[in-house]
């Protein structure tokens, strides 16, 4: 998973001067899944639009991520 994270990070080139805001606390109520949280936060901070598709077994938290992102936007 770290290879995927590095690849995405290289594609997005997130700026380092972003200040902390409510975006950094968007997933506070979701426990675990830290790599997914980090990837989605990089996508939200990207200068260009980025799409993310979450797949997985039922009950793995996909809907929680989508609901939190929807409430953020």
PDB file of N, CA and C in Angstrom:
ATOM      1  N   UNK A   1       0.823  -1.189   0.000  1.00  0.00           N
ATOM      2  CA  UNK A   1       0.000   0.000   0.000  1.00  0.00           C
ATOM      3  C   UNK A   1       0.868   1.254   0.000  1.00  0.00           C
ATOM      4  N   UNK A   2       2.070   1.178   0.544  1.00  0.00           N
ATOM      5  CA  UNK A   2       2.917   2.364   0.572  1.00  0.00           C
ATOM      6  C   UNK A   2       3.373   2.747  -0.832  1.00  0.00           C
ATOM      7  N   UNK A   3       3.525   1.768  -1.733  1.00  0.00           N
ATOM      8  CA  UNK A   3       3.885   2.076  -3.111  1.00  0.00           C
ATOM      9  C   UNK A   3       2.758   2.868  -3.775  1.00  0.00           C
ATOM     10  N   UNK A   4       1.514   2.455  -3.523  1.00  0.00           N
ATOM     11  CA  UNK A   4       0.364   3.178  -4.059  1.00  0.00           C
ATOM     12  C   UNK A   4       0.322   4.596  -3.512  1.00  0.00           C
ATOM     13  N   UNK A   5       0.552   4.735  -2.215  1.00  0.00           N
ATOM     14  CA  UNK A   5       0.547   6.062  -1.585  1.00  0.00           C
ATOM     15  C   UNK A   5       1.625   6.955  -2.202  1.00  0.00           C
ATOM     16  N   UNK A   6       2.820   6.403  -2.423  1.00  0.00           N
ATOM     17  CA  UNK A   6       3.898   7.191  -3.019  1.00  0.00           C
ATOM     18  C   UNK A   6       3.562   7.596  -4.445  1.00  0.00           C
ATOM     19  N   UNK A   7       2.963   6.682  -5.201  1.00  0.00           N
ATOM     20  CA  UNK A   7       2.580   6.984  -6.578  1.00  0.00           C
ATOM     21  C   UNK A   7       1.551   8.103  -6.615  1.00  0.00           C
ATOM     22  N   UNK A   8       0.548   8.001  -5.765  1.00  0.00           N
ATOM     23  CA  UNK A   8      -0.488   9.038  -5.717  1.00  0.00           C
ATOM     24  C   UNK A   8       0.103  10.359  -5.263  1.00  0.00           C
ATOM     25  N   UNK A   9       0.973  10.314  -4.290  1.00  0.00           N
ATOM     26  CA  UNK A   9       1.610  11.534  -3.800  1.00  0.00           C
ATOM     27  C   UNK A   9       2.407  12.204  -4.912  1.00  0.00           C
ATOM     28  N   UNK A  10       3.119  11.408  -5.701  1.00  0.00           N
ATOM     29  CA  UNK A  10       3.893  11.965  -6.802  1.00  0.00           C
ATOM     30  C   UNK A  10       2.990  12.567  -7.874  1.00  0.00           C
ATOM     31  N   UNK A  11       1.828  11.974  -8.085  1.00  0.00           N
ATOM     32  CA  UNK A  11       0.900  12.496  -9.090  1.00  0.00           C
ATOM     33  C   UNK A  11       0.239  13.789  -8.649  1.00  0.00           C
ATOM     34  N   UNK A  12      -0.096  13.873  -7.384  1.00  0.00           N
ATOM     35  CA  UNK A  12      -0.847  15.020  -6.895  1.00  0.00           C
ATOM     36  C   UNK A  12       0.018  16.222  -6.576  1.00  0.00           C
ATOM     37  N   UNK A  13       1.259  15.995  -6.164  1.00  0.00           N
ATOM     38  CA  UNK A  13       2.149  17.064  -5.726  1.00  0.00           C
ATOM     39  C   UNK A  13       1.454  18.014  -4.764  1.00  0.00           C
ATOM     40  N   UNK A  14       1.000  17.522  -3.607  1.00  0.00           N
ATOM     41  CA  UNK A  14       0.319  18.432  -2.678  1.00  0.00           C
ATOM     42  C   UNK A  14       1.285  19.513  -2.200  1.00  0.00           C
ATOM     43  N   UNK A  15       0.754  20.693  -2.062  1.00  0.00           N
ATOM     44  CA  UNK A  15       1.597  21.797  -1.608  1.00  0.00           C
ATOM     45  C   UNK A  15       1.850  21.670  -0.118  1.00  0.00           C
ATOM     46  N   UNK A  16       3.033  22.023   0.297  1.00  0.00           N
ATOM     47  CA  UNK A  16       3.403  21.887   1.708  1.00  0.00           C
ATOM     48  C   UNK A  16       2.982  23.092   2.526  1.00  0.00           C
ATOM     49  N   UNK A  17       2.571  24.169   1.880  1.00  0.00           N
ATOM     50  CA  UNK A  17       2.227  25.379   2.618  1.00  0.00           C
ATOM     51  C   UNK A  17       0.771  25.422   3.049  1.00  0.00           C
ATOM     52  N   UNK A  18       0.026  24.326   2.849  1.00  0.00           N
ATOM     53  CA  UNK A  18      -1.376  24.326   3.268  1.00  0.00           C
ATOM     54  C   UNK A  18      -1.463  24.380   4.790  1.00  0.00           C
ATOM     55  N   UNK A  19      -2.289  25.252   5.290  1.00  0.00           N
ATOM     56  CA  UNK A  19      -2.459  25.353   6.736  1.00  0.00           C
ATOM     57  C   UNK A  19      -3.525  24.361   7.190  1.00  0.00           C
ATOM     58  N   UNK A  20      -3.482  24.017   8.441  1.00  0.00           N
ATOM     59  CA  UNK A  20      -4.471  23.097   8.979  1.00  0.00           C
ATOM     60  C   UNK A  20      -5.821  23.792   9.041  1.00  0.00           C
ATOM     61  N   UNK A  21      -6.859  23.047   8.669  1.00  0.00           N
ATOM     62  CA  UNK A  21      -8.211  23.569   8.708  1.00  0.00           C
ATOM     63  C   UNK A  21      -9.158  22.414   9.007  1.00  0.00           C
ATOM     64  N   UNK A  22     -10.431  22.635   8.818  1.00  0.00           N
ATOM     65  CA  UNK A  22     -11.398  21.593   9.146  1.00  0.00           C
ATOM     66  C   UNK A  22     -11.221  20.359   8.262  1.00  0.00           C
ATOM     67  N   UNK A  23     -10.588  20.517   7.109  1.00  0.00           N
ATOM     68  CA  UNK A  23     -10.330  19.390   6.222  1.00  0.00           C
ATOM     69  C   UNK A  23      -9.456  18.332   6.900  1.00  0.00           C
ATOM     70  N   UNK A  24      -8.551  18.761   7.762  1.00  0.00           N
ATOM     71  CA  UNK A  24      -7.657  17.841   8.444  1.00  0.00           C
ATOM     72  C   UNK A  24      -8.387  16.993   9.484  1.00  0.00           C
ATOM     73  N   UNK A  25      -9.573  17.388   9.880  1.00  0.00           N
ATOM     74  CA  UNK A  25     -10.319  16.663  10.900  1.00  0.00           C
ATOM     75  C   UNK A  25     -11.569  16.002  10.323  1.00  0.00           C
ATOM     76  N   UNK A  26     -11.635  15.883   9.020  1.00  0.00           N
ATOM     77  CA  UNK A  26     -12.838  15.384   8.363  1.00  0.00           C
ATOM     78  C   UNK A  26     -13.156  13.935   8.741  1.00  0.00           C
ATOM     79  N   UNK A  27     -12.155  13.124   8.996  1.00  0.00           N
ATOM     80  CA  UNK A  27     -12.373  11.704   9.275  1.00  0.00           C
ATOM     81  C   UNK A  27     -12.141  11.337  10.738  1.00  0.00           C
ATOM     82  N   UNK A  28     -12.301  12.271  11.649  1.00  0.00           N
ATOM     83  CA  UNK A  28     -12.065  11.992  13.067  1.00  0.00           C
ATOM     84  C   UNK A  28     -12.956  10.888  13.616  1.00  0.00           C
ATOM     85  N   UNK A  29     -14.162  10.742  13.098  1.00  0.00           N
ATOM     86  CA  UNK A  29     -15.071   9.737  13.640  1.00  0.00           C
ATOM     87  C   UNK A  29     -14.913   8.372  12.975  1.00  0.00           C
ATOM     88  N   UNK A  30     -13.972   8.216  12.039  1.00  0.00           N
ATOM     89  CA  UNK A  30     -13.702   6.930  11.409  1.00  0.00           C
ATOM     90  C   UNK A  30     -12.391   6.405  11.985  1.00  0.00           C
ATOM     91  N   UNK A  31     -12.447   5.240  12.594  1.00  0.00           N
ATOM     92  CA  UNK A  31     -11.266   4.664  13.244  1.00  0.00           C
ATOM     93  C   UNK A  31     -10.559   3.711  12.291  1.00  0.00           C
ATOM     94  N   UNK A  32      -9.233   3.725  12.338  1.00  0.00           N
ATOM     95  CA  UNK A  32      -8.451   2.876  11.455  1.00  0.00           C
ATOM     96  C   UNK A  32      -8.432   3.437  10.047  1.00  0.00           C
ATOM     97  N   UNK A  33      -8.089   2.627   9.090  1.00  0.00           N
ATOM     98  CA  UNK A  33      -8.071   2.997   7.668  1.00  0.00           C
ATOM     99  C   UNK A  33      -7.237   4.251   7.407  1.00  0.00           C
ATOM    100  N   UNK A  34      -6.105   4.363   8.108  1.00  0.00           N
ATOM    101  CA  UNK A  34      -5.289   5.577   8.026  1.00  0.00           C
ATOM    102  C   UNK A  34      -4.751   5.837   6.624  1.00  0.00           C
ATOM    103  N   UNK A  35      -4.390   4.777   5.883  1.00  0.00           N
ATOM    104  CA  UNK A  35      -3.867   4.978   4.536  1.00  0.00           C
ATOM    105  C   UNK A  35      -4.939   5.530   3.608  1.00  0.00           C
ATOM    106  N   UNK A  36      -6.167   5.040   3.751  1.00  0.00           N
ATOM    107  CA  UNK A  36      -7.265   5.534   2.927  1.00  0.00           C
ATOM    108  C   UNK A  36      -7.554   6.992   3.274  1.00  0.00           C
ATOM    109  N   UNK A  37      -7.531   7.315   4.550  1.00  0.00           N
ATOM    110  CA  UNK A  37      -7.751   8.696   4.980  1.00  0.00           C
ATOM    111  C   UNK A  37      -6.712   9.621   4.354  1.00  0.00           C
ATOM    112  N   UNK A  38      -5.472   9.194   4.387  1.00  0.00           N
ATOM    113  CA  UNK A  38      -4.392  10.024   3.862  1.00  0.00           C
ATOM    114  C   UNK A  38      -4.536  10.231   2.353  1.00  0.00           C
ATOM    115  N   UNK A  39      -4.887   9.184   1.626  1.00  0.00           N
ATOM    116  CA  UNK A  39      -5.047   9.287   0.178  1.00  0.00           C
ATOM    117  C   UNK A  39      -6.198  10.230  -0.166  1.00  0.00           C
ATOM    118  N   UNK A  40      -7.319  10.098   0.537  1.00  0.00           N
ATOM    119  CA  UNK A  40      -8.472  10.958   0.256  1.00  0.00           C
ATOM    120  C   UNK A  40      -8.155  12.402   0.619  1.00  0.00           C
ATOM    121  N   UNK A  41      -7.452  12.633   1.713  1.00  0.00           N
ATOM    122  CA  UNK A  41      -7.095  14.003   2.087  1.00  0.00           C
ATOM    123  C   UNK A  41      -6.160  14.622   1.051  1.00  0.00           C
ATOM    124  N   UNK A  42      -5.233  13.834   0.504  1.00  0.00           N
ATOM    125  CA  UNK A  42      -4.370  14.354  -0.555  1.00  0.00           C
ATOM    126  C   UNK A  42      -5.195  14.715  -1.788  1.00  0.00           C
ATOM    127  N   UNK A  43      -6.197  13.891  -2.100  1.00  0.00           N
ATOM    128  CA  UNK A  43      -7.057  14.178  -3.245  1.00  0.00           C
ATOM    129  C   UNK A  43      -7.855  15.454  -3.011  1.00  0.00           C
ATOM    130  N   UNK A  44      -8.343  15.655  -1.800  1.00  0.00           N
ATOM    131  CA  UNK A  44      -9.115  16.857  -1.494  1.00  0.00           C
ATOM    132  C   UNK A  44      -8.254  18.117  -1.535  1.00  0.00           C
ATOM    133  N   UNK A  45      -6.982  17.995  -1.210  1.00  0.00           N
ATOM    134  CA  UNK A  45      -6.077  19.144  -1.190  1.00  0.00           C
ATOM    135  C   UNK A  45      -5.420  19.414  -2.541  1.00  0.00           C
ATOM    136  N   UNK A  46      -5.584  18.514  -3.498  1.00  0.00           N
ATOM    137  CA  UNK A  46      -4.910  18.645  -4.790  1.00  0.00           C
ATOM    138  C   UNK A  46      -5.383  19.886  -5.534  1.00  0.00           C
ATOM    139  N   UNK A  47      -4.486  20.466  -6.292  1.00  0.00           N
ATOM    140  CA  UNK A  47      -4.820  21.662  -7.061  1.00  0.00           C
ATOM    141  C   UNK A  47      -5.731  21.319  -8.241  1.00  0.00           C
ATOM    142  N   UNK A  48      -5.551  20.152  -8.825  1.00  0.00           N
ATOM    143  CA  UNK A  48      -6.374  19.687  -9.932  1.00  0.00           C
ATOM    144  C   UNK A  48      -7.421  18.715  -9.393  1.00  0.00           C
ATOM    145  N   UNK A  49      -8.587  18.599 -10.049  1.00  0.00           N
ATOM    146  CA  UNK A  49      -9.597  17.641  -9.597  1.00  0.00           C
ATOM    147  C   UNK A  49      -9.069  16.205  -9.649  1.00  0.00           C
ATOM    148  N   UNK A  50      -9.345  15.464  -8.609  1.00  0.00           N
ATOM    149  CA  UNK A  50      -8.907  14.078  -8.512  1.00  0.00           C
ATOM    150  C   UNK A  50     -10.113  13.230  -8.160  1.00  0.00           C
ATOM    151  N   UNK A  51     -10.228  12.081  -8.801  1.00  0.00           N
ATOM    152  CA  UNK A  51     -11.325  11.157  -8.531  1.00  0.00           C
ATOM    153  C   UNK A  51     -10.796   9.984  -7.720  1.00  0.00           C
ATOM    154  N   UNK A  52     -11.618   9.484  -6.812  1.00  0.00           N
ATOM    155  CA  UNK A  52     -11.245   8.325  -6.002  1.00  0.00           C
ATOM    156  C   UNK A  52     -12.413   7.350  -5.998  1.00  0.00           C
ATOM    157  N   UNK A  53     -12.127   6.090  -6.214  1.00  0.00           N
ATOM    158  CA  UNK A  53     -13.136   5.047  -6.195  1.00  0.00           C
ATOM    159  C   UNK A  53     -12.819   4.118  -5.033  1.00  0.00           C
ATOM    160  N   UNK A  54     -13.745   3.990  -4.114  1.00  0.00           N
ATOM    161  CA  UNK A  54     -13.564   3.094  -2.975  1.00  0.00           C
ATOM    162  C   UNK A  54     -14.293   1.791  -3.261  1.00  0.00           C
ATOM    163  N   UNK A  55     -13.573   0.698  -3.149  1.00  0.00           N
ATOM    164  CA  UNK A  55     -14.170  -0.620  -3.336  1.00  0.00           C
ATOM    165  C   UNK A  55     -13.846  -1.473  -2.125  1.00  0.00           C
ATOM    166  N   UNK A  56     -14.653  -2.481  -1.891  1.00  0.00           N
ATOM    167  CA  UNK A  56     -14.387  -3.385  -0.784  1.00  0.00           C
ATOM    168  C   UNK A  56     -15.626  -4.145  -0.371  1.00  0.00           C
ATOM    169  N   UNK A  57     -15.445  -4.978   0.599  1.00  0.00           N
ATOM    170  CA  UNK A  57     -16.525  -5.799   1.133  1.00  0.00           C
ATOM    171  C   UNK A  57     -17.569  -4.928   1.818  1.00  0.00           C
ATOM    172  N   UNK A  58     -18.799  -5.439   1.922  1.00  0.00           N
ATOM    173  CA  UNK A  58     -19.823  -4.707   2.673  1.00  0.00           C
ATOM    174  C   UNK A  58     -19.381  -4.507   4.122  1.00  0.00           C
ATOM    175  N   UNK A  59     -19.617  -3.337   4.648  1.00  0.00           N
ATOM    176  CA  UNK A  59     -19.293  -3.053   6.043  1.00  0.00           C
ATOM    177  C   UNK A  59     -17.871  -2.590   6.280  1.00  0.00           C
ATOM    178  N   UNK A  60     -17.122  -2.275   5.233  1.00  0.00           N
ATOM    179  CA  UNK A  60     -15.730  -1.857   5.432  1.00  0.00           C
ATOM    180  C   UNK A  60     -15.579  -0.346   5.583  1.00  0.00           C
ATOM    181  N   UNK A  61     -16.684   0.418   5.476  1.00  0.00           N
ATOM    182  CA  UNK A  61     -16.627   1.849   5.752  1.00  0.00           C
ATOM    183  C   UNK A  61     -16.693   2.766   4.550  1.00  0.00           C
ATOM    184  N   UNK A  62     -16.967   2.242   3.375  1.00  0.00           N
ATOM    185  CA  UNK A  62     -17.019   3.088   2.172  1.00  0.00           C
ATOM    186  C   UNK A  62     -18.054   4.200   2.315  1.00  0.00           C
ATOM    187  N   UNK A  63     -19.226   3.848   2.787  1.00  0.00           N
ATOM    188  CA  UNK A  63     -20.303   4.831   2.927  1.00  0.00           C
ATOM    189  C   UNK A  63     -19.933   5.901   3.948  1.00  0.00           C
ATOM    190  N   UNK A  64     -19.261   5.531   5.022  1.00  0.00           N
ATOM    191  CA  UNK A  64     -18.843   6.519   6.020  1.00  0.00           C
ATOM    192  C   UNK A  64     -17.913   7.555   5.394  1.00  0.00           C
ATOM    193  N   UNK A  65     -16.979   7.097   4.573  1.00  0.00           N
ATOM    194  CA  UNK A  65     -16.077   8.037   3.903  1.00  0.00           C
ATOM    195  C   UNK A  65     -16.855   8.966   2.994  1.00  0.00           C
ATOM    196  N   UNK A  66     -17.764   8.427   2.181  1.00  0.00           N
ATOM    197  CA  UNK A  66     -18.536   9.253   1.270  1.00  0.00           C
ATOM    198  C   UNK A  66     -19.429  10.250   2.009  1.00  0.00           C
ATOM    199  N   UNK A  67     -20.039   9.824   3.105  1.00  0.00           N
ATOM    200  CA  UNK A  67     -20.885  10.729   3.869  1.00  0.00           C
ATOM    201  C   UNK A  67     -20.074  11.865   4.486  1.00  0.00           C
ATOM    202  N   UNK A  68     -18.896  11.551   5.016  1.00  0.00           N
ATOM    203  CA  UNK A  68     -18.057  12.591   5.615  1.00  0.00           C
ATOM    204  C   UNK A  68     -17.566  13.579   4.558  1.00  0.00           C
ATOM    205  N   UNK A  69     -17.210  13.074   3.378  1.00  0.00           N
ATOM    206  CA  UNK A  69     -16.771  13.959   2.302  1.00  0.00           C
ATOM    207  C   UNK A  69     -17.937  14.830   1.857  1.00  0.00           C
ATOM    208  N   UNK A  70     -19.116  14.253   1.717  1.00  0.00           N
ATOM    209  CA  UNK A  70     -20.309  15.019   1.325  1.00  0.00           C
ATOM    210  C   UNK A  70     -20.639  16.113   2.316  1.00  0.00           C
ATOM    211  N   UNK A  71     -20.474  15.838   3.608  1.00  0.00           N
ATOM    212  CA  UNK A  71     -20.726  16.846   4.626  1.00  0.00           C
ATOM    213  C   UNK A  71     -19.668  17.940   4.615  1.00  0.00           C
ATOM    214  N   UNK A  72     -18.491  17.607   4.164  1.00  0.00           N
ATOM    215  CA  UNK A  72     -17.395  18.574   4.092  1.00  0.00           C
ATOM    216  C   UNK A  72     -17.593  19.549   2.935  1.00  0.00           C
ATOM    217  N   UNK A  73     -18.040  19.024   1.802  1.00  0.00           N
ATOM    218  CA  UNK A  73     -18.204  19.852   0.610  1.00  0.00           C
ATOM    219  C   UNK A  73     -19.423  20.685   0.771  1.00  0.00           C
TER     220      UNK A  73
END
